[in-house]
Amino acid sequence: MNQAIQFPDREFWDESKQAVCFPVLVNGMQMTCAIKGELLLSRFGGRIPLDAFKDNRWDLEEEASDLIRDQQEDDEGWVWFS
């Protein structure tokens, strides 16, 4: 596991973005990752996006790590799943 990328357990549902957002510490600097609720449910099933995230946290954190290493953040510094 890469200790330079850490995921605190502080995910939340952002109603305005319709996404589950979760913080990540990259070399001590905080960033935000986000995945649209619709994408979560289409990929993992279920009815509640936050539950789908929690049930698949490890896979999503691994995918987020790959996106971060590939420097896939947007202009605001957010990493969005697609």
Protein backbone atom coordinates (compact mmCIF):
# COMPACT_ATOMS: atom_id res chain seq x y z
CA MET A 1 0.00 0.00 0.00
CA ASN A 2 1.26 3.46 -0.85
CA GLN A 3 1.42 5.42 2.40
CA ALA A 4 1.62 8.69 0.45
CA ILE A 5 -2.09 8.30 -0.41
CA GLN A 6 -4.48 7.90 2.52
CA PHE A 7 -8.27 7.82 2.64
CA PRO A 8 -9.93 8.94 5.89
CA ASP A 9 -13.40 7.47 6.51
CA ARG A 10 -15.25 10.75 5.96
CA GLU A 11 -17.33 10.19 2.84
CA PHE A 12 -20.54 12.20 2.43
CA TRP A 13 -23.38 12.67 0.00
CA ASP A 14 -23.30 16.07 -1.75
CA GLU A 15 -26.85 16.81 -2.87
CA SER A 16 -25.89 19.66 -5.19
CA LYS A 17 -23.32 17.52 -7.03
CA GLN A 18 -25.43 14.33 -6.78
CA ALA A 19 -22.22 12.56 -5.81
CA VAL A 20 -20.49 10.77 -2.99
CA CYS A 21 -17.47 12.85 -2.09
CA PHE A 22 -14.56 11.65 -0.01
CA PRO A 23 -11.30 13.22 1.11
CA VAL A 24 -7.87 11.89 0.34
CA LEU A 25 -4.50 12.91 1.72
CA VAL A 26 -1.77 12.92 -0.90
CA ASN A 27 1.67 13.49 0.63
CA GLY A 28 -0.10 15.36 3.45
CA MET A 29 -2.16 17.61 1.15
CA GLN A 30 -5.94 17.18 1.12
CA MET A 31 -7.81 16.58 -2.12
CA THR A 32 -11.37 15.53 -2.80
CA CYS A 33 -12.55 12.58 -4.87
CA ALA A 34 -16.10 12.23 -6.10
CA ILE A 35 -18.26 9.73 -7.89
CA LYS A 36 -21.76 10.47 -9.17
CA GLY A 37 -24.50 8.54 -7.40
CA GLU A 38 -25.91 7.36 -10.72
CA LEU A 39 -22.52 5.88 -11.68
CA LEU A 40 -22.18 4.12 -8.31
CA LEU A 41 -25.59 2.51 -8.62
CA SER A 42 -25.06 1.46 -12.23
CA ARG A 43 -21.70 -0.12 -11.40
CA PHE A 44 -22.52 -1.75 -8.07
CA GLY A 45 -26.31 -1.89 -7.82
CA GLY A 46 -28.37 -0.93 -4.83
CA ARG A 47 -30.63 2.01 -4.16
CA ILE A 48 -28.57 4.31 -1.94
CA PRO A 49 -25.34 5.70 -3.42
CA LEU A 50 -23.61 6.20 -0.05
CA ASP A 51 -24.28 2.57 0.87
CA ALA A 52 -22.94 1.41 -2.50
CA PHE A 53 -19.79 3.43 -1.84
CA LYS A 54 -19.32 1.97 1.64
CA ASP A 55 -19.86 -1.59 0.36
CA ASN A 56 -17.22 -1.10 -2.34
CA ARG A 57 -14.85 1.27 -0.57
CA TRP A 58 -11.65 -0.74 -1.11
CA ASP A 59 -12.13 -1.06 -4.86
CA LEU A 60 -13.04 2.61 -5.19
CA GLU A 61 -10.06 3.74 -3.14
CA GLU A 62 -7.77 1.66 -5.34
CA GLU A 63 -9.29 3.21 -8.45
CA ALA A 64 -9.00 6.70 -6.95
CA SER A 65 -5.33 6.04 -6.17
CA ASP A 66 -4.74 5.19 -9.84
CA LEU A 67 -6.52 8.38 -10.94
CA ILE A 68 -4.43 10.45 -8.51
CA ARG A 69 -1.17 8.88 -9.68
CA ASP A 70 -2.23 9.63 -13.27
CA GLN A 71 -2.92 13.27 -12.22
CA GLN A 72 -6.56 13.17 -13.31
CA GLU A 73 -7.77 16.05 -11.13
CA ASP A 74 -9.95 18.78 -12.64
CA ASP A 75 -9.34 22.55 -12.59
CA GLU A 76 -10.66 22.73 -9.02
CA GLY A 77 -8.34 19.95 -7.82
CA TRP A 78 -11.11 17.33 -7.58
CA VAL A 79 -10.73 13.77 -8.83
CA TRP A 80 -13.90 12.55 -10.54
CA PHE A 81 -14.63 8.96 -11.51
CA SER A 82 -15.98 8.37 -14.99
